[in-house]
Amino acid sequence: MKRYLFILLAGLVTLSLALTACGPAATEAPTEEPMEEPTEPPAEEPTEEPVEATTVTLWHGFTGDYQAPLEALFDQFNEDNEDIQIEYTVIDPNQIRDSISVAIPAGEGPDIVAWANDQIGRQALTGNIVALDDWVDTAYLEDNFTDPAVSGVVWNDQIWALPTTGEAIALVYNRELVAEEDLPAPDDFDTLLNKACAFREENPEKWYVCNQGLGNADAYHVAPIYFGHGMPGYVDDEGNVYLNTEEGLAAGRWIRDFSECAPAETSHEICQAMLAEGQAAMWWTGPWAITSVEEAGIDYGIAPMGKPFVGIKVLMMTSNAVDRGKAEAAVEVMKWWSSAETLTSRVLTTKEIPTNVAALEDPEVQAMYTVSGFGASLERGIPMANTPFMDALWGPVGDATTAIWTGAQTPEEALEDAQQTAEENIADMQ
């Protein structure tokens, strides 16, 4: 019996082992690892393309004490602006005309030239400069600049420049010899004549006024007399000459009478010495003379008289700027240079006379006596003629005035001869 049970158990064990060997081995269920989400490569940050500045070339004749402060303003513009840069070059003022005449036709000239308004007609006729009417209108000029400055940049009914500063002569008087309340009104030539003669009688060794255009052929310094008597100018854009008009003759007769009470011979140096040495109570001159007056230690005043010729410094755009596609940038520079902000900063350093009304009326500018004094004269004046015909008048006006001054001719004779000579000169130019 025991043996039977043993055999049975052994068989069961054997069967169990067989079944185990034949079945698949037990394994753990695989665990699925989470799939990683595909990631996009990081977006590249856009790189800013460098802005390529438009370079505007500018030629100027600012030399001496003016050069450093004015070029500093150009440098400041370049620091403040990325899209436009000014590349400036100083040219000898006496060489600007020749340099421009050669460089611009060859395409090698500047985009802008800083010059004087009396050059407008000549440069326009040769095609060296272009009119600004596509970018600037008359309303812009009238809203920003003095009347003489506006007239001075318009030629043949077109705008040819933007004005910046101006120069005009006035009476610079010695306060020890002339009281301010005794000065004649700016348009009262009769009183000026009477005071000059009375002063001469009371002070036989002295003169009331020294004007280098009286006693020395100089059409510029006598312009306040002719224009102050009503002459609209020496010549207009059409070539009409105004010397032997009623207004011109009235001025000539005043000059004849004034010669009895003024120094016979004059020049810049003579008048300067007379004022410095107390031999003249007044010097009819411009802001360029103030340094010598101050060096002489004179307590001076400035009073407008008549209607002076106003020289205007301007910026003109050349035909090269248009050919290079830089006209828009050039105009932006010109507007900046003639703006109230720029001119105020400029004249506070240089003591020039701004033609921008807001700059001229700025309290800090008005506080500068020479600027406000000559500024009042500038506002009364007539702009330097920008027509090429003015070249025909300088000699005849100077010669006629000298002939009247010395008594060599009557005002009628001198001005009639000058009229004829000027008209002949203009005919040759046409």
Protein backbone atom coordinates (compact mmCIF):
# COMPACT_ATOMS: atom_id res chain seq x y z
CA MET A 1 0.00 0.00 0.00
CA LYS A 2 2.77 2.43 1.00
CA ARG A 3 4.60 1.58 -2.11
CA TYR A 4 1.54 2.39 -4.21
CA LEU A 5 1.15 5.83 -2.62
CA PHE A 6 4.78 6.63 -3.17
CA ILE A 7 4.51 5.73 -6.83
CA LEU A 8 1.39 7.83 -7.19
CA LEU A 9 2.96 10.86 -5.57
CA ALA A 10 6.04 10.55 -7.66
CA GLY A 11 3.97 10.46 -10.77
CA LEU A 12 2.06 13.56 -9.82
CA VAL A 13 5.25 15.42 -9.17
CA THR A 14 6.68 14.34 -12.49
CA LEU A 15 3.52 15.43 -14.31
CA SER A 16 3.58 18.79 -12.57
CA LEU A 17 7.18 19.40 -13.57
CA ALA A 18 6.40 18.46 -17.14
CA LEU A 19 3.51 20.83 -17.35
CA THR A 20 5.62 23.63 -15.92
CA ALA A 21 8.40 23.05 -18.42
CA CYS A 22 6.00 23.10 -21.35
CA GLY A 23 4.15 26.38 -20.44
CA PRO A 24 5.38 29.87 -21.16
CA ALA A 25 7.55 31.52 -18.56
CA ALA A 26 5.68 34.07 -16.48
CA THR A 27 6.70 37.65 -17.36
CA GLU A 28 5.77 41.12 -15.98
CA ALA A 29 3.53 43.21 -18.17
CA PRO A 30 5.62 45.83 -19.98
CA THR A 31 5.10 49.39 -18.80
CA GLU A 32 4.70 51.93 -21.58
CA GLU A 33 6.85 55.04 -21.17
CA PRO A 34 5.04 58.27 -22.16
CA MET A 35 5.93 59.52 -25.60
CA GLU A 36 7.67 62.89 -25.63
CA GLU A 37 5.79 65.60 -27.47
CA PRO A 38 7.80 66.79 -30.45
CA THR A 39 9.20 70.25 -29.72
CA GLU A 40 9.66 72.98 -32.31
CA PRO A 41 13.07 74.57 -32.50
CA PRO A 42 13.13 77.92 -30.68
CA ALA A 43 12.11 80.76 -32.93
CA GLU A 44 15.01 82.94 -33.94
CA GLU A 45 14.62 86.55 -32.82
CA PRO A 46 14.45 88.86 -35.84
CA THR A 47 17.64 90.79 -36.36
CA GLU A 48 17.20 94.46 -37.10
CA GLU A 49 18.67 95.53 -40.36
CA PRO A 50 21.01 98.48 -39.81
CA VAL A 51 19.52 101.74 -41.01
CA GLU A 52 21.64 103.19 -43.76
CA ALA A 53 21.82 106.93 -43.22
CA THR A 54 21.50 109.38 -46.07
CA THR A 55 24.61 111.50 -46.15
CA VAL A 56 24.01 115.10 -47.17
CA THR A 57 27.09 117.05 -48.19
CA LEU A 58 27.29 120.73 -47.30
CA TRP A 59 29.81 123.40 -48.20
CA HIS A 60 30.08 126.50 -46.08
CA GLY A 61 32.30 129.53 -45.66
CA PHE A 62 32.03 129.93 -41.88
CA THR A 63 35.53 130.83 -40.81
CA GLY A 64 37.22 132.59 -37.90
CA ASP A 65 35.23 132.78 -34.67
CA TYR A 66 32.13 131.40 -36.39
CA GLN A 67 33.55 128.10 -37.60
CA ALA A 68 33.86 126.09 -34.39
CA PRO A 69 30.44 126.87 -32.86
CA LEU A 70 28.59 126.37 -36.13
CA GLU A 71 30.31 123.11 -36.96
CA ALA A 72 29.51 121.96 -33.42
CA LEU A 73 25.84 122.30 -34.31
CA PHE A 74 26.34 120.10 -37.37
CA ASP A 75 28.07 117.53 -35.16
CA GLN A 76 25.18 117.62 -32.69
CA PHE A 77 22.72 117.03 -35.52
CA ASN A 78 24.69 113.94 -36.55
CA GLU A 79 24.60 112.59 -32.98
CA ASP A 80 20.85 113.14 -32.70
CA ASN A 81 19.89 111.65 -36.07
CA GLU A 82 20.40 108.19 -37.52
CA ASP A 83 18.69 108.54 -40.86
CA ILE A 84 20.45 111.70 -42.07
CA GLN A 85 24.07 112.70 -41.58
CA ILE A 86 25.72 115.97 -42.56
CA GLU A 87 29.15 115.84 -44.14
CA TYR A 88 30.41 119.42 -44.13
CA THR A 89 33.39 121.09 -45.75
CA VAL A 90 34.67 124.62 -45.17
CA ILE A 91 35.44 126.60 -48.31
CA ASP A 92 37.30 129.90 -48.43
CA PRO A 93 34.49 132.48 -48.74
CA ASN A 94 36.40 134.14 -51.57
CA GLN A 95 36.57 130.85 -53.47
CA ILE A 96 33.02 129.55 -53.08
CA ARG A 97 31.76 130.94 -56.39
CA ASP A 98 34.63 129.48 -58.42
CA SER A 99 34.48 126.15 -56.57
CA ILE A 100 30.74 125.80 -57.07
CA SER A 101 30.94 126.76 -60.74
CA VAL A 102 33.41 123.95 -61.42
CA ALA A 103 32.18 121.22 -59.07
CA ILE A 104 28.41 121.22 -59.59
CA PRO A 105 28.38 120.83 -63.41
CA ALA A 106 30.83 117.94 -62.95
CA GLY A 107 28.50 116.25 -60.44
CA GLU A 108 31.06 116.66 -57.67
CA GLY A 109 29.51 119.56 -55.82
CA PRO A 110 27.68 119.57 -52.49
CA ASP A 111 24.01 118.88 -51.92
CA ILE A 112 23.68 122.15 -49.99
CA VAL A 113 25.69 125.34 -50.10
CA ALA A 114 25.63 127.91 -47.30
CA TRP A 115 26.07 131.27 -48.98
CA ALA A 116 24.44 134.69 -49.40
CA ASN A 117 21.11 135.58 -50.96
CA ASP A 118 22.68 137.96 -53.50
CA GLN A 119 24.05 134.89 -55.29
CA ILE A 120 20.63 133.37 -55.98
CA GLY A 121 19.96 134.83 -59.43
CA ARG A 122 23.39 134.00 -60.81
CA GLN A 123 23.36 130.43 -59.54
CA ALA A 124 19.78 129.82 -60.65
CA LEU A 125 20.50 130.97 -64.19
CA THR A 126 23.44 128.59 -64.49
CA GLY A 127 21.38 125.70 -63.11
CA ASN A 128 23.64 125.20 -60.11
CA ILE A 129 20.77 125.54 -57.62
CA VAL A 130 17.14 124.45 -57.79
CA ALA A 131 13.91 126.11 -56.66
CA LEU A 132 12.40 124.80 -53.43
CA ASP A 133 8.73 125.27 -54.31
CA ASP A 134 8.09 121.50 -54.37
CA TRP A 135 9.03 121.32 -50.68
CA VAL A 136 8.47 124.82 -49.24
CA ASP A 137 5.66 127.28 -49.87
CA THR A 138 5.29 131.01 -49.32
CA ALA A 139 3.12 130.47 -46.24
CA TYR A 140 5.97 128.58 -44.58
CA LEU A 141 8.33 131.47 -45.24
CA GLU A 142 5.91 134.14 -44.05
CA ASP A 143 5.08 132.18 -40.88
CA ASN A 144 8.71 131.80 -39.88
CA PHE A 145 10.88 134.64 -41.19
CA THR A 146 11.16 138.42 -41.26
CA ASP A 147 9.80 140.26 -44.30
CA PRO A 148 13.24 141.17 -45.74
CA ALA A 149 14.34 137.55 -45.39
CA VAL A 150 11.25 136.29 -47.21
CA SER A 151 11.74 138.76 -50.07
CA GLY A 152 15.43 138.01 -50.19
CA VAL A 153 15.04 134.32 -51.05
CA VAL A 154 12.34 134.76 -53.70
CA TRP A 155 13.50 135.41 -57.24
CA ASN A 156 11.27 135.41 -60.33
CA ASP A 157 8.35 134.29 -58.10
CA GLN A 158 10.12 131.14 -56.94
CA ILE A 159 11.73 130.19 -53.62
CA TRP A 160 15.43 129.48 -53.99
CA ALA A 161 16.78 129.27 -50.45
CA LEU A 162 15.98 129.25 -46.75
CA PRO A 163 17.27 132.24 -44.75
CA THR A 164 19.25 131.94 -41.53
CA THR A 165 20.91 135.14 -40.33
CA GLY A 166 21.21 138.70 -41.62
CA GLU A 167 23.25 141.87 -41.43
CA ALA A 168 22.12 145.48 -41.57
CA ILE A 169 23.78 148.76 -40.65
CA ALA A 170 22.54 151.20 -38.02
CA LEU A 171 23.76 154.24 -36.08
CA VAL A 172 26.30 153.15 -33.47
CA TYR A 173 26.52 156.16 -31.16
CA ASN A 174 28.70 157.24 -28.26
CA ARG A 175 26.43 157.76 -25.26
CA GLU A 176 28.81 160.38 -23.88
CA LEU A 177 28.20 162.56 -26.94
CA VAL A 178 24.62 161.70 -27.87
CA ALA A 179 21.71 161.03 -25.53
CA GLU A 180 19.27 158.35 -26.61
CA GLU A 181 16.32 160.71 -26.29
CA ASP A 182 17.99 163.13 -28.73
CA LEU A 183 18.24 160.60 -31.55
CA PRO A 184 16.15 161.19 -34.70
CA ALA A 185 13.35 158.80 -35.54
CA PRO A 186 14.42 156.07 -38.01
CA ASP A 187 12.60 157.72 -40.93
CA ASP A 188 13.26 161.37 -40.03
CA PHE A 189 16.10 162.44 -42.30
CA ASP A 190 15.35 166.13 -41.88
CA THR A 191 16.00 165.90 -38.15
CA LEU A 192 19.18 163.90 -38.74
CA LEU A 193 20.44 166.63 -41.07
CA ASN A 194 19.54 169.42 -38.66
CA LYS A 195 21.15 167.69 -35.69
CA ALA A 196 24.31 166.99 -37.69
CA CYS A 197 24.70 170.65 -38.62
CA ALA A 198 23.86 171.88 -35.11
CA PHE A 199 26.36 169.43 -33.57
CA ARG A 200 29.06 170.62 -35.95
CA GLU A 201 28.46 174.24 -34.97
CA GLU A 202 28.62 173.41 -31.28
CA ASN A 203 31.65 171.13 -31.70
CA PRO A 204 33.82 172.53 -34.53
CA GLU A 205 36.38 169.75 -34.18
CA LYS A 206 33.84 166.94 -34.27
CA TRP A 207 31.24 165.38 -36.55
CA TYR A 208 27.81 164.01 -35.75
CA VAL A 209 27.86 161.01 -38.11
CA CYS A 210 30.52 159.20 -40.12
CA ASN A 211 29.27 157.01 -43.00
CA GLN A 212 31.91 155.41 -45.18
CA GLY A 213 29.62 155.56 -48.21
CA LEU A 214 29.60 159.38 -48.05
CA GLY A 215 33.02 160.53 -49.17
CA ASN A 216 33.95 157.10 -50.51
CA ALA A 217 32.22 155.25 -53.36
CA ASP A 218 30.16 152.62 -51.55
CA ALA A 219 26.62 151.82 -52.70
CA TYR A 220 26.00 149.51 -49.75
CA HIS A 221 26.49 152.02 -46.93
CA VAL A 222 24.40 154.74 -48.60
CA ALA A 223 21.49 152.39 -49.33
CA PRO A 224 19.60 153.35 -46.11
CA ILE A 225 19.43 156.93 -47.46
CA TYR A 226 18.12 156.06 -50.92
CA PHE A 227 15.70 153.40 -49.66
CA GLY A 228 14.75 155.52 -46.66
CA HIS A 229 13.54 158.21 -49.07
CA GLY A 230 11.23 155.70 -50.74
CA MET A 231 13.31 154.09 -53.49
CA PRO A 232 12.12 150.44 -53.67
CA GLY A 233 15.60 149.22 -54.54
CA TYR A 234 18.34 150.02 -56.98
CA VAL A 235 17.02 147.54 -59.59
CA ASP A 236 14.34 144.85 -59.81
CA ASP A 237 14.18 141.36 -61.33
CA GLU A 238 13.10 142.74 -64.69
CA GLY A 239 16.06 145.11 -64.89
CA ASN A 240 14.16 148.31 -64.08
CA VAL A 241 16.50 150.91 -62.54
CA TYR A 242 15.21 153.42 -59.98
CA LEU A 243 18.04 155.95 -59.62
CA ASN A 244 16.59 159.03 -61.31
CA THR A 245 13.13 158.64 -59.78
CA GLU A 246 11.62 161.28 -57.51
CA GLU A 247 12.63 159.19 -54.53
CA GLY A 248 16.18 158.88 -55.81
CA LEU A 249 16.43 162.60 -56.44
CA ALA A 250 15.10 163.37 -52.95
CA ALA A 251 17.82 161.19 -51.49
CA GLY A 252 20.43 162.85 -53.71
CA ARG A 253 19.44 166.31 -52.56
CA TRP A 254 19.65 165.22 -48.92
CA ILE A 255 23.13 163.83 -49.55
CA ARG A 256 24.17 167.16 -51.11
CA ASP A 257 22.94 169.08 -48.05
CA PHE A 258 24.39 166.63 -45.56
CA SER A 259 27.85 167.00 -47.12
CA GLU A 260 28.06 170.45 -45.51
CA CYS A 261 27.94 168.90 -42.04
CA ALA A 262 29.91 165.65 -42.39
CA PRO A 263 33.54 164.62 -43.00
CA ALA A 264 34.60 165.06 -46.62
CA GLU A 265 36.63 161.85 -46.89
CA THR A 266 35.69 158.57 -45.28
CA SER A 267 36.42 154.86 -45.18
CA HIS A 268 35.85 152.06 -42.71
CA GLU A 269 39.14 152.84 -41.02
CA ILE A 270 38.54 156.61 -40.91
CA CYS A 271 35.10 156.22 -39.34
CA GLN A 272 36.38 153.64 -36.88
CA ALA A 273 39.16 155.96 -35.74
CA MET A 274 36.81 158.94 -35.50
CA LEU A 275 34.44 157.12 -33.15
CA ALA A 276 37.26 155.65 -31.07
CA GLU A 277 38.95 159.03 -30.67
CA GLY A 278 35.76 160.96 -29.95
CA GLN A 279 35.86 162.89 -33.24
CA ALA A 280 32.54 161.44 -34.36
CA ALA A 281 29.47 160.98 -32.22
CA MET A 282 28.10 158.18 -34.40
CA TRP A 283 29.30 155.59 -36.88
CA TRP A 284 26.78 154.35 -39.47
CA THR A 285 27.95 150.74 -39.58
CA GLY A 286 27.12 147.09 -38.98
CA PRO A 287 27.58 144.39 -36.32
CA TRP A 288 31.03 143.52 -37.64
CA ALA A 289 32.31 146.81 -36.19
CA ILE A 290 31.19 146.20 -32.61
CA THR A 291 34.33 144.37 -31.53
CA SER A 292 36.49 147.40 -32.28
CA VAL A 293 33.98 149.70 -30.58
CA GLU A 294 34.05 147.60 -27.42
CA GLU A 295 37.85 147.37 -27.52
CA ALA A 296 37.93 151.18 -27.59
CA GLY A 297 35.98 151.17 -24.34
CA ILE A 298 33.07 153.20 -25.74
CA ASP A 299 29.72 153.17 -23.99
CA TYR A 300 27.69 152.73 -27.15
CA GLY A 301 24.10 152.52 -28.27
CA ILE A 302 22.52 151.24 -31.49
CA ALA A 303 19.69 153.02 -33.33
CA PRO A 304 18.07 152.13 -36.68
CA MET A 305 18.11 154.78 -39.40
CA GLY A 306 16.50 154.65 -42.83
CA LYS A 307 16.04 151.35 -44.64
CA PRO A 308 19.33 149.49 -44.94
CA PHE A 309 20.40 146.90 -47.46
CA VAL A 310 19.99 143.59 -45.60
CA GLY A 311 22.52 140.92 -46.42
CA ILE A 312 21.03 137.48 -45.78
CA LYS A 313 22.90 134.25 -45.18
CA VAL A 314 21.03 131.31 -46.69
CA LEU A 315 21.11 127.64 -47.51
CA MET A 316 20.60 126.71 -51.17
CA MET A 317 20.00 123.23 -52.58
CA THR A 318 22.11 122.30 -55.57
CA SER A 319 21.08 120.38 -58.66
CA ASN A 320 23.48 117.65 -57.53
CA ALA A 321 21.17 116.88 -54.59
CA VAL A 322 18.28 116.27 -56.96
CA ASP A 323 20.39 114.14 -59.30
CA ARG A 324 21.49 111.99 -56.33
CA GLY A 325 17.97 111.53 -55.01
CA LYS A 326 18.80 113.44 -51.83
CA ALA A 327 16.47 116.40 -52.20
CA GLU A 328 14.12 115.37 -49.38
CA ALA A 329 16.97 114.85 -46.95
CA ALA A 330 18.60 118.10 -48.00
CA VAL A 331 15.40 120.06 -47.33
CA GLU A 332 15.14 118.47 -43.88
CA VAL A 333 18.64 119.69 -43.08
CA MET A 334 17.84 123.16 -44.41
CA LYS A 335 14.67 123.41 -42.30
CA TRP A 336 16.56 122.29 -39.21
CA TRP A 337 19.37 124.82 -39.81
CA SER A 338 16.89 127.69 -40.25
CA SER A 339 14.58 126.65 -37.38
CA ALA A 340 13.97 128.82 -34.33
CA GLU A 341 15.58 126.26 -32.02
CA THR A 342 18.79 125.93 -34.02
CA LEU A 343 19.13 129.64 -34.73
CA THR A 344 18.53 130.58 -31.10
CA SER A 345 21.30 128.22 -30.03
CA ARG A 346 23.52 129.59 -32.79
CA VAL A 347 23.14 133.30 -32.15
CA LEU A 348 23.48 133.00 -28.38
CA THR A 349 27.05 131.98 -29.15
CA THR A 350 27.89 133.96 -32.29
CA LYS A 351 25.77 137.10 -31.68
CA GLU A 352 24.54 137.03 -35.29
CA ILE A 353 21.12 138.43 -36.17
CA PRO A 354 18.56 135.65 -36.80
CA THR A 355 16.03 136.06 -39.59
CA ASN A 356 13.70 133.55 -37.97
CA VAL A 357 11.08 135.63 -36.12
CA ALA A 358 10.70 133.27 -33.17
CA ALA A 359 14.47 133.18 -32.68
CA LEU A 360 14.76 136.96 -32.97
CA GLU A 361 12.00 137.45 -30.38
CA ASP A 362 13.38 134.87 -27.96
CA PRO A 363 13.91 136.59 -24.56
CA GLU A 364 17.51 135.42 -24.29
CA VAL A 365 18.26 136.70 -27.78
CA GLN A 366 16.57 140.03 -27.14
CA ALA A 367 18.64 140.40 -23.99
CA MET A 368 21.74 140.54 -26.21
CA TYR A 369 21.96 144.25 -26.95
CA THR A 370 23.81 144.08 -30.26
CA VAL A 371 21.41 141.44 -31.59
CA SER A 372 18.26 143.31 -30.61
CA GLY A 373 19.71 146.65 -31.76
CA PHE A 374 20.79 145.54 -35.22
CA GLY A 375 17.76 143.24 -35.39
CA ALA A 376 15.48 146.29 -35.26
CA SER A 377 17.40 147.74 -38.20
CA LEU A 378 17.24 144.45 -40.12
CA GLU A 379 13.46 144.29 -39.84
CA ARG A 380 13.17 147.74 -41.46
CA GLY A 381 15.44 146.99 -44.38
CA ILE A 382 15.34 145.88 -47.97
CA PRO A 383 17.09 142.60 -48.86
CA MET A 384 20.23 142.60 -50.91
CA ALA A 385 19.20 142.27 -54.53
CA ASN A 386 19.37 138.64 -55.62
CA THR A 387 19.09 139.47 -59.31
CA PRO A 388 22.24 139.33 -61.45
CA PHE A 389 21.31 142.82 -62.66
CA MET A 390 22.62 144.24 -59.39
CA ASP A 391 26.14 143.86 -60.78
CA ALA A 392 25.25 146.68 -63.15
CA LEU A 393 24.45 149.08 -60.28
CA TRP A 394 27.30 148.97 -57.77
CA GLY A 395 29.62 151.21 -59.76
CA PRO A 396 27.06 153.74 -61.02
CA VAL A 397 25.50 154.24 -57.56
CA GLY A 398 28.86 154.71 -55.88
CA ASP A 399 30.11 157.09 -58.55
CA ALA A 400 26.90 159.17 -58.58
CA THR A 401 26.86 159.49 -54.80
CA THR A 402 30.50 160.60 -54.75
CA ALA A 403 29.84 163.16 -57.50
CA ILE A 404 26.96 164.60 -55.49
CA TRP A 405 29.01 164.55 -52.28
CA THR A 406 31.94 166.41 -53.75
CA GLY A 407 29.77 168.84 -55.72
CA ALA A 408 31.15 167.62 -59.03
CA GLN A 409 27.58 167.14 -60.27
CA THR A 410 24.11 168.11 -59.17
CA PRO A 411 21.89 165.30 -57.91
CA GLU A 412 19.90 165.51 -61.15
CA GLU A 413 22.98 165.24 -63.35
CA ALA A 414 24.66 162.50 -61.32
CA LEU A 415 21.62 160.28 -61.04
CA GLU A 416 20.64 160.71 -64.67
CA ASP A 417 24.14 159.66 -65.75
CA ALA A 418 24.06 156.73 -63.34
CA GLN A 419 20.66 155.65 -64.63
CA GLN A 420 21.89 155.65 -68.20
CA THR A 421 25.09 153.77 -67.37
CA ALA A 422 23.21 151.15 -65.35
CA GLU A 423 20.68 150.58 -68.12
CA GLU A 424 23.45 150.17 -70.66
CA ASN A 425 25.18 147.66 -68.37
CA ILE A 426 21.95 145.70 -68.00
CA ALA A 427 21.36 145.70 -71.76
CA ASP A 428 24.76 144.11 -72.19
CA MET A 429 23.80 141.42 -69.68
CA GLN A 430 20.53 140.50 -71.37
